[in-house]
C-alpha atoms as a PDB file:
ATOM      1  CA  MET A   1     -47.246 -14.501  -3.439  1.00  0.00           C
ATOM      2  CA  ASN A   2     -49.746 -17.268  -2.212  1.00  0.00           C
ATOM      3  CA  THR A   3     -50.926 -20.164  -3.738  1.00  0.00           C
ATOM      4  CA  LEU A   4     -52.128 -21.547  -0.043  1.00  0.00           C
ATOM      5  CA  ALA A   5     -55.388 -20.907  -0.602  1.00  0.00           C
ATOM      6  CA  LEU A   6     -55.980 -23.803  -2.944  1.00  0.00           C
ATOM      7  CA  GLY A   7     -55.899 -26.625  -0.401  1.00  0.00           C
ATOM      8  CA  PRO A   8     -53.365 -27.403   2.813  1.00  0.00           C
ATOM      9  CA  SER A   9     -50.201 -25.625   3.353  1.00  0.00           C
ATOM     10  CA  TRP A  10     -48.752 -29.738   2.671  1.00  0.00           C
ATOM     11  CA  LEU A  11     -49.807 -29.016  -0.971  1.00  0.00           C
ATOM     12  CA  ASP A  12     -48.253 -25.857  -1.522  1.00  0.00           C
ATOM     13  CA  PRO A  13     -44.830 -26.203  -3.066  1.00  0.00           C
ATOM     14  CA  ASP A  14     -44.350 -22.541  -2.737  1.00  0.00           C
ATOM     15  CA  TYR A  15     -45.405 -22.229   0.979  1.00  0.00           C
ATOM     16  CA  LEU A  16     -43.164 -25.171   1.528  1.00  0.00           C
ATOM     17  CA  ILE A  17     -39.884 -23.925   0.415  1.00  0.00           C
ATOM     18  CA  GLN A  18     -40.613 -20.185   1.971  1.00  0.00           C
ATOM     19  CA  THR A  19     -41.470 -22.000   5.088  1.00  0.00           C
ATOM     20  CA  PHE A  20     -38.954 -24.048   5.653  1.00  0.00           C
ATOM     21  CA  GLY A  21     -36.354 -23.523   2.890  1.00  0.00           C
ATOM     22  CA  LEU A  22     -33.918 -25.890   1.291  1.00  0.00           C
ATOM     23  CA  ILE A  23     -33.760 -27.976   4.802  1.00  0.00           C
ATOM     24  CA  GLY A  24     -37.600 -28.782   3.950  1.00  0.00           C
ATOM     25  CA  VAL A  25     -37.076 -29.873   0.833  1.00  0.00           C
ATOM     26  CA  LEU A  26     -34.270 -32.388   1.485  1.00  0.00           C
ATOM     27  CA  VAL A  27     -36.599 -33.671   4.387  1.00  0.00           C
ATOM     28  CA  ILE A  28     -39.487 -34.510   2.170  1.00  0.00           C
ATOM     29  CA  VAL A  29     -37.399 -35.634  -0.574  1.00  0.00           C
ATOM     30  CA  PHE A  30     -35.810 -38.205   2.243  1.00  0.00           C
ATOM     31  CA  ALA A  31     -39.558 -38.657   3.937  1.00  0.00           C
ATOM     32  CA  GLU A  32     -40.895 -39.611   0.178  1.00  0.00           C
ATOM     33  CA  SER A  33     -37.930 -42.003  -1.254  1.00  0.00           C
ATOM     34  CA  GLY A  34     -38.394 -44.481   1.543  1.00  0.00           C
ATOM     35  CA  LEU A  35     -40.899 -43.608   4.545  1.00  0.00           C
ATOM     36  CA  LEU A  36     -44.336 -45.369   4.696  1.00  0.00           C
ATOM     37  CA  ILE A  37     -45.875 -41.966   6.049  1.00  0.00           C
ATOM     38  CA  GLY A  38     -44.566 -39.986   2.933  1.00  0.00           C
ATOM     39  CA  PHE A  39     -46.557 -41.259   0.189  1.00  0.00           C
ATOM     40  CA  PHE A  40     -48.828 -38.454   0.127  1.00  0.00           C
ATOM     41  CA  LEU A  41     -46.241 -35.624  -0.325  1.00  0.00           C
ATOM     42  CA  PRO A  42     -45.566 -33.586  -3.526  1.00  0.00           C
ATOM     43  CA  GLY A  43     -42.527 -34.646  -4.099  1.00  0.00           C
ATOM     44  CA  ASP A  44     -42.251 -33.614  -8.743  1.00  0.00           C
ATOM     45  CA  SER A  45     -44.423 -30.322  -8.222  1.00  0.00           C
ATOM     46  CA  LEU A  46     -41.626 -29.562  -5.041  1.00  0.00           C
ATOM     47  CA  LEU A  47     -38.419 -30.311  -6.950  1.00  0.00           C
ATOM     48  CA  PHE A  48     -40.035 -28.561  -9.931  1.00  0.00           C
ATOM     49  CA  THR A  49     -41.040 -25.334  -7.938  1.00  0.00           C
ATOM     50  CA  THR A  50     -37.731 -25.923  -5.840  1.00  0.00           C
ATOM     51  CA  GLY A  51     -35.355 -24.948  -9.662  1.00  0.00           C
ATOM     52  CA  LEU A  52     -38.192 -22.267 -10.585  1.00  0.00           C
ATOM     53  CA  LEU A  53     -37.003 -20.264  -6.810  1.00  0.00           C
ATOM     54  CA  VAL A  54     -33.302 -21.049  -7.423  1.00  0.00           C
ATOM     55  CA  THR A  55     -33.405 -19.253 -10.638  1.00  0.00           C
ATOM     56  CA  THR A  56     -35.272 -16.637  -9.916  1.00  0.00           C
ATOM     57  CA  GLY A  57     -33.165 -15.702  -6.980  1.00  0.00           C
ATOM     58  CA  LYS A  58     -36.196 -16.482  -4.512  1.00  0.00           C
ATOM     59  CA  LEU A  59     -34.133 -19.470  -3.089  1.00  0.00           C
ATOM     60  CA  ASP A  60     -30.451 -17.956  -2.424  1.00  0.00           C
ATOM     61  CA  GLN A  61     -28.206 -20.808  -2.693  1.00  0.00           C
ATOM     62  CA  PRO A  62     -26.174 -22.547  -6.119  1.00  0.00           C
ATOM     63  CA  LEU A  63     -28.100 -24.567  -8.204  1.00  0.00           C
ATOM     64  CA  TRP A  64     -25.592 -27.632  -8.193  1.00  0.00           C
ATOM     65  CA  LEU A  65     -25.937 -27.802  -4.665  1.00  0.00           C
ATOM     66  CA  VAL A  66     -29.045 -27.662  -4.265  1.00  0.00           C
ATOM     67  CA  CYS A  67     -29.298 -30.866  -7.211  1.00  0.00           C
ATOM     68  CA  THR A  68     -26.274 -32.584  -4.632  1.00  0.00           C
ATOM     69  CA  LEU A  69     -28.413 -32.236  -1.374  1.00  0.00           C
ATOM     70  CA  ILE A  70     -31.742 -33.584  -2.959  1.00  0.00           C
ATOM     71  CA  VAL A  71     -29.464 -36.175  -4.643  1.00  0.00           C
ATOM     72  CA  ALA A  72     -28.310 -37.473  -1.062  1.00  0.00           C
ATOM     73  CA  ALA A  73     -31.516 -36.967   0.090  1.00  0.00           C
ATOM     74  CA  ALA A  74     -33.310 -39.324  -2.540  1.00  0.00           C
ATOM     75  CA  ILE A  75     -30.447 -42.258  -2.178  1.00  0.00           C
ATOM     76  CA  ILE A  76     -30.793 -42.457   1.439  1.00  0.00           C
ATOM     77  CA  GLY A  77     -33.928 -42.618   1.597  1.00  0.00           C
ATOM     78  CA  ASP A  78     -34.398 -45.368  -0.564  1.00  0.00           C
ATOM     79  CA  GLN A  79     -31.779 -46.921   1.147  1.00  0.00           C
ATOM     80  CA  VAL A  80     -34.075 -46.806   4.976  1.00  0.00           C
ATOM     81  CA  GLY A  81     -36.736 -48.015   2.804  1.00  0.00           C
ATOM     82  CA  TYR A  82     -34.914 -50.502   1.524  1.00  0.00           C
ATOM     83  CA  LEU A  83     -33.353 -51.503   4.919  1.00  0.00           C
ATOM     84  CA  PHE A  84     -37.019 -51.821   6.578  1.00  0.00           C
ATOM     85  CA  GLY A  85     -37.986 -53.878   3.809  1.00  0.00           C
ATOM     86  CA  ARG A  86     -35.273 -56.497   4.556  1.00  0.00           C
ATOM     87  CA  LYS A  87     -36.152 -56.296   8.643  1.00  0.00           C
ATOM     88  CA  VAL A  88     -39.931 -56.183   8.093  1.00  0.00           C
ATOM     89  CA  GLY A  89     -40.021 -58.693   5.385  1.00  0.00           C
ATOM     90  CA  PRO A  90     -43.576 -60.576   4.113  1.00  0.00           C
ATOM     91  CA  ALA A  91     -45.280 -59.305   7.363  1.00  0.00           C
ATOM     92  CA  LEU A  92     -45.773 -55.977   5.424  1.00  0.00           C
ATOM     93  CA  PHE A  93     -48.244 -57.855   3.498  1.00  0.00           C
ATOM     94  CA  LYS A  94     -50.064 -58.242   7.023  1.00  0.00           C
ATOM     95  CA  ARG A  95     -50.006 -55.043   8.172  1.00  0.00           C
ATOM     96  CA  PRO A  96     -53.829 -53.712   8.699  1.00  0.00           C
ATOM     97  CA  ASP A  97     -55.025 -50.374   6.553  1.00  0.00           C
ATOM     98  CA  SER A  98     -54.975 -47.178   8.895  1.00  0.00           C
ATOM     99  CA  LYS A  99     -55.071 -43.416   7.830  1.00  0.00           C
ATOM    100  CA  LEU A 100     -51.447 -43.195   6.196  1.00  0.00           C
ATOM    101  CA  PHE A 101     -51.522 -47.215   5.440  1.00  0.00           C
ATOM    102  CA  LYS A 102     -52.701 -49.001   2.109  1.00  0.00           C
ATOM    103  CA  GLN A 103     -52.034 -52.489   1.401  1.00  0.00           C
ATOM    104  CA  GLU A 104     -53.492 -51.309  -1.840  1.00  0.00           C
ATOM    105  CA  ASN A 105     -50.416 -49.517  -2.463  1.00  0.00           C
ATOM    106  CA  VAL A 106     -48.028 -52.059  -1.353  1.00  0.00           C
ATOM    107  CA  GLU A 107     -49.872 -54.519  -3.781  1.00  0.00           C
ATOM    108  CA  LYS A 108     -49.651 -51.901  -6.864  1.00  0.00           C
ATOM    109  CA  ALA A 109     -45.525 -51.444  -5.565  1.00  0.00           C
ATOM    110  CA  HIS A 110     -45.304 -54.686  -5.303  1.00  0.00           C
ATOM    111  CA  GLU A 111     -46.680 -55.070  -8.856  1.00  0.00           C
ATOM    112  CA  PHE A 112     -44.981 -52.552 -10.648  1.00  0.00           C
ATOM    113  CA  PHE A 113     -41.770 -54.216  -9.347  1.00  0.00           C
ATOM    114  CA  GLU A 114     -42.555 -58.113 -10.632  1.00  0.00           C
ATOM    115  CA  LYS A 115     -43.381 -56.597 -13.921  1.00  0.00           C
ATOM    116  CA  HIS A 116     -39.873 -53.887 -14.063  1.00  0.00           C
ATOM    117  CA  GLY A 117     -37.413 -55.672 -12.027  1.00  0.00           C
ATOM    118  CA  PRO A 118     -34.292 -53.505 -10.809  1.00  0.00           C
ATOM    119  CA  LYS A 119     -35.014 -50.988 -13.394  1.00  0.00           C
ATOM    120  CA  SER A 120     -38.298 -50.031 -11.657  1.00  0.00           C
ATOM    121  CA  LEU A 121     -36.080 -48.232  -9.130  1.00  0.00           C
ATOM    122  CA  ILE A 122     -35.620 -46.060 -11.681  1.00  0.00           C
ATOM    123  CA  LEU A 123     -39.085 -45.747 -12.910  1.00  0.00           C
ATOM    124  CA  ALA A 124     -40.662 -45.611  -9.806  1.00  0.00           C
ATOM    125  CA  ARG A 125     -38.660 -42.243  -9.087  1.00  0.00           C
ATOM    126  CA  PHE A 126     -41.742 -40.725 -11.428  1.00  0.00           C
ATOM    127  CA  VAL A 127     -44.524 -42.042  -9.950  1.00  0.00           C
ATOM    128  CA  PRO A 128     -46.021 -41.071  -7.177  1.00  0.00           C
ATOM    129  CA  ILE A 129     -46.695 -43.180  -4.134  1.00  0.00           C
ATOM    130  CA  ILE A 130     -45.608 -45.605  -6.241  1.00  0.00           C
ATOM    131  CA  ARG A 131     -41.796 -44.674  -5.203  1.00  0.00           C
ATOM    132  CA  THR A 132     -42.406 -44.313  -1.755  1.00  0.00           C
ATOM    133  CA  PHE A 133     -43.198 -47.853  -1.647  1.00  0.00           C
ATOM    134  CA  THR A 134     -40.952 -49.748  -4.000  1.00  0.00           C
ATOM    135  CA  PRO A 135     -37.827 -49.714  -2.483  1.00  0.00           C
ATOM    136  CA  ILE A 136     -39.551 -51.118   0.838  1.00  0.00           C
ATOM    137  CA  ILE A 137     -40.754 -54.085  -1.737  1.00  0.00           C
ATOM    138  CA  ALA A 138     -37.032 -54.122  -2.717  1.00  0.00           C
ATOM    139  CA  GLY A 139     -35.833 -54.912   0.609  1.00  0.00           C
ATOM    140  CA  VAL A 140     -38.798 -56.799   1.429  1.00  0.00           C
ATOM    141  CA  SER A 141     -38.077 -59.291  -1.891  1.00  0.00           C
ATOM    142  CA  ARG A 142     -34.197 -59.324  -1.060  1.00  0.00           C
ATOM    143  CA  MET A 143     -33.159 -58.087  -4.095  1.00  0.00           C
ATOM    144  CA  ASN A 144     -29.008 -58.212  -4.695  1.00  0.00           C
ATOM    145  CA  TYR A 145     -27.731 -55.421  -2.319  1.00  0.00           C
ATOM    146  CA  ARG A 146     -25.127 -53.787  -5.415  1.00  0.00           C
ATOM    147  CA  SER A 147     -28.173 -53.912  -7.978  1.00  0.00           C
ATOM    148  CA  PHE A 148     -30.081 -52.051  -5.289  1.00  0.00           C
ATOM    149  CA  ILE A 149     -27.091 -49.068  -5.043  1.00  0.00           C
ATOM    150  CA  THR A 150     -26.744 -48.963  -8.679  1.00  0.00           C
ATOM    151  CA  PHE A 151     -30.378 -48.101  -9.372  1.00  0.00           C
ATOM    152  CA  ASN A 152     -31.507 -46.288  -6.751  1.00  0.00           C
ATOM    153  CA  ILE A 153     -28.481 -43.917  -7.506  1.00  0.00           C
ATOM    154  CA  ILE A 154     -29.184 -43.740 -11.407  1.00  0.00           C
ATOM    155  CA  GLY A 155     -32.771 -42.737 -10.000  1.00  0.00           C
ATOM    156  CA  GLY A 156     -31.749 -40.339  -7.922  1.00  0.00           C
ATOM    157  CA  VAL A 157     -30.066 -38.559  -9.797  1.00  0.00           C
ATOM    158  CA  LEU A 158     -32.433 -38.832 -13.261  1.00  0.00           C
ATOM    159  CA  TRP A 159     -35.340 -37.458 -10.407  1.00  0.00           C
ATOM    160  CA  GLY A 160     -33.749 -35.793  -7.761  1.00  0.00           C
ATOM    161  CA  ALA A 161     -31.395 -33.247 -10.137  1.00  0.00           C
ATOM    162  CA  GLY A 162     -33.326 -33.529 -13.397  1.00  0.00           C
ATOM    163  CA  VAL A 163     -36.595 -32.778 -12.447  1.00  0.00           C
ATOM    164  CA  THR A 164     -34.970 -29.700 -10.289  1.00  0.00           C
ATOM    165  CA  ILE A 165     -32.858 -28.895 -13.348  1.00  0.00           C
ATOM    166  CA  LEU A 166     -35.731 -28.714 -15.327  1.00  0.00           C
ATOM    167  CA  GLY A 167     -37.401 -26.199 -13.200  1.00  0.00           C
ATOM    168  CA  ALA A 168     -34.188 -24.407 -13.266  1.00  0.00           C
ATOM    169  CA  SER A 169     -34.195 -24.030 -16.775  1.00  0.00           C
ATOM    170  CA  LEU A 170     -38.157 -23.472 -17.738  1.00  0.00           C
ATOM    171  CA  GLY A 171     -37.199 -20.353 -15.096  1.00  0.00           C
ATOM    172  CA  LYS A 172     -34.948 -18.769 -16.867  1.00  0.00           C
ATOM    173  CA  ILE A 173     -37.933 -18.009 -20.132  1.00  0.00           C
ATOM    174  CA  ASP A 174     -39.080 -14.585 -19.889  1.00  0.00           C
ATOM    175  CA  PHE A 175     -42.515 -15.480 -20.032  1.00  0.00           C
ATOM    176  CA  VAL A 176     -41.947 -18.782 -17.175  1.00  0.00           C
ATOM    177  CA  HIS A 177     -40.487 -15.764 -14.657  1.00  0.00           C
ATOM    178  CA  GLU A 178     -43.226 -12.871 -15.687  1.00  0.00           C
ATOM    179  CA  HIS A 179     -46.056 -15.494 -14.998  1.00  0.00           C
ATOM    180  CA  ILE A 180     -44.946 -17.843 -12.480  1.00  0.00           C
ATOM    181  CA  GLU A 181     -47.622 -16.912  -9.761  1.00  0.00           C
ATOM    182  CA  LYS A 182     -49.978 -18.469 -12.686  1.00  0.00           C
ATOM    183  CA  ILE A 183     -47.565 -21.319 -12.939  1.00  0.00           C
ATOM    184  CA  LEU A 184     -47.067 -21.684  -9.194  1.00  0.00           C
ATOM    185  CA  VAL A 185     -51.037 -22.162  -8.408  1.00  0.00           C
ATOM    186  CA  GLY A 186     -50.882 -24.804 -11.318  1.00  0.00           C
ATOM    187  CA  ILE A 187     -47.854 -26.853  -9.734  1.00  0.00           C
ATOM    188  CA  VAL A 188     -50.245 -26.679  -6.466  1.00  0.00           C
ATOM    189  CA  LEU A 189     -53.169 -28.154  -8.214  1.00  0.00           C
ATOM    190  CA  LEU A 190     -51.214 -30.408 -10.543  1.00  0.00           C
ATOM    191  CA  SER A 191     -49.808 -32.026  -7.035  1.00  0.00           C
ATOM    192  CA  VAL A 192     -53.646 -31.706  -5.786  1.00  0.00           C
ATOM    193  CA  VAL A 193     -54.620 -34.573  -8.648  1.00  0.00           C
ATOM    194  CA  PRO A 194     -52.483 -37.509  -7.737  1.00  0.00           C
ATOM    195  CA  ILE A 195     -54.411 -37.674  -4.433  1.00  0.00           C
ATOM    196  CA  VAL A 196     -57.816 -36.910  -5.624  1.00  0.00           C
ATOM    197  CA  ILE A 197     -57.493 -39.806  -7.910  1.00  0.00           C
ATOM    198  CA  GLU A 198     -56.672 -41.876  -5.419  1.00  0.00           C
ATOM    199  CA  TYR A 199     -59.544 -41.108  -3.227  1.00  0.00           C
ATOM    200  CA  LEU A 200     -62.180 -41.584  -5.903  1.00  0.00           C
ATOM    201  CA  LYS A 201     -60.643 -44.782  -6.550  1.00  0.00           C
ATOM    202  CA  ALA A 202     -60.548 -45.973  -2.610  1.00  0.00           C
ATOM    203  CA  ARG A 203     -64.333 -44.613  -2.292  1.00  0.00           C
ATOM    204  CA  SER A 204     -65.291 -46.400  -5.971  1.00  0.00           C
ATOM    205  CA  GLN A 205     -63.911 -49.426  -4.543  1.00  0.00           C
ATOM    206  CA  SER A 206     -65.370 -49.635  -0.960  1.00  0.00           C
ATOM    207  CA  LYS A 207     -68.975 -48.820  -2.421  1.00  0.00           C
ATOM    208  CA  LYS A 208     -68.312 -51.611  -4.701  1.00  0.00           C
ATOM    209  CA  ALA A 209     -67.225 -53.943  -1.369  1.00  0.00           C
ATOM    210  CA  ARG A 210     -70.686 -52.531   0.128  1.00  0.00           C
ATOM    211  CA  ALA A 211     -72.607 -53.744  -2.586  1.00  0.00           C
ATOM    212  CA  ALA A 212     -71.265 -57.259  -3.147  1.00  0.00           C
ATOM    213  CA  GLU A 213     -71.742 -57.836   0.628  1.00  0.00           C
ATOM    214  CA  GLY A 214     -75.150 -56.598   0.067  1.00  0.00           C
ATOM    215  CA  ASP A 215     -75.563 -58.864  -3.379  1.00  0.00           C
ATOM    216  CA  HIS A 216     -73.860 -61.766  -0.262  1.00  0.00           C
ATOM    217  CA  GLY A 217     -76.400 -61.029   2.894  1.00  0.00           C
ATOM    218  CA  THR A 218     -79.211 -60.848   0.872  1.00  0.00           C
ATOM    219  CA  PRO A 219     -81.714 -63.978  -0.109  1.00  0.00           C
ATOM    220  CA  ASP A 220     -82.909 -64.110  -3.753  1.00  0.00           C
ATOM    221  CA  PRO A 221     -86.744 -63.701  -3.505  1.00  0.00           C
ATOM    222  CA  GLN A 222     -86.884 -66.203  -6.369  1.00  0.00           C
ATOM    223  CA  GLN A 223     -84.424 -68.803  -5.524  1.00  0.00           C
ATOM    224  CA  GLY A 224     -86.373 -69.172  -2.341  1.00  0.00           C
ATOM    225  CA  SER A 225     -89.888 -69.390  -4.095  1.00  0.00           C
ATOM    226  CA  ARG A 226     -88.595 -72.289  -6.311  1.00  0.00           C
ATOM    227  CA  GLY A 227     -87.415 -74.335  -2.799  1.00  0.00           C
ATOM    228  CA  ARG A 228     -90.655 -74.172  -1.407  1.00  0.00           C
ATOM    229  CA  HIS A 229     -91.885 -74.850  -5.189  1.00  0.00           C
ATOM    230  CA  ALA A 230     -89.620 -77.727  -5.115  1.00  0.00           C
ATOM    231  CA  LYS A 231     -91.281 -79.369  -1.715  1.00  0.00           C
ATOM    232  CA  ARG A 232     -94.807 -79.159  -2.461  1.00  0.00           C
END
């Protein structure tokens, strides 16, 4: 089974699981849930593939244990993100862009949090990139800690256990079991889609920004002509 040729190894859930096992899954879930550098990791597809591989016997741990550990990693990850947000505070919005940090992602998460309130901690779990920054924004906004814990746990269970169990349930279907390699290829492709979309958006915005700067920096010939005529 080899889906690695489709892209970088960190985009291939099957490769990640086969190489690093359950520990690798937990580290990735933790990082994507609350560390700024974890937004690009393939969380949804990784959980789905984990459940799929548990059912097909390629991951030798009981499903209940896998789900419990994944939920714990997701909850702890959000907790770390929240505490980081409380410590950093509004300074986060002034942090300069880098290869792994974009103010645009912070602003999107902030808008998402403002729109949905505390329940954003549940909804954001199912939205790539947004789920990484939402607990941090909750910390920056000084969200009530008890409310945060409550919604964090609910979101962690629904996402961590829910997506994993979905993968495990589909793995019991004969068609899925017989075509697991093709399905894993499809999962890898789906993992790439959000990253490609973000890249295209950033590229488009960059072009628009350069075009706007060019328009402001280039004098209008007609205005110059009108100015000369006015002086006469």
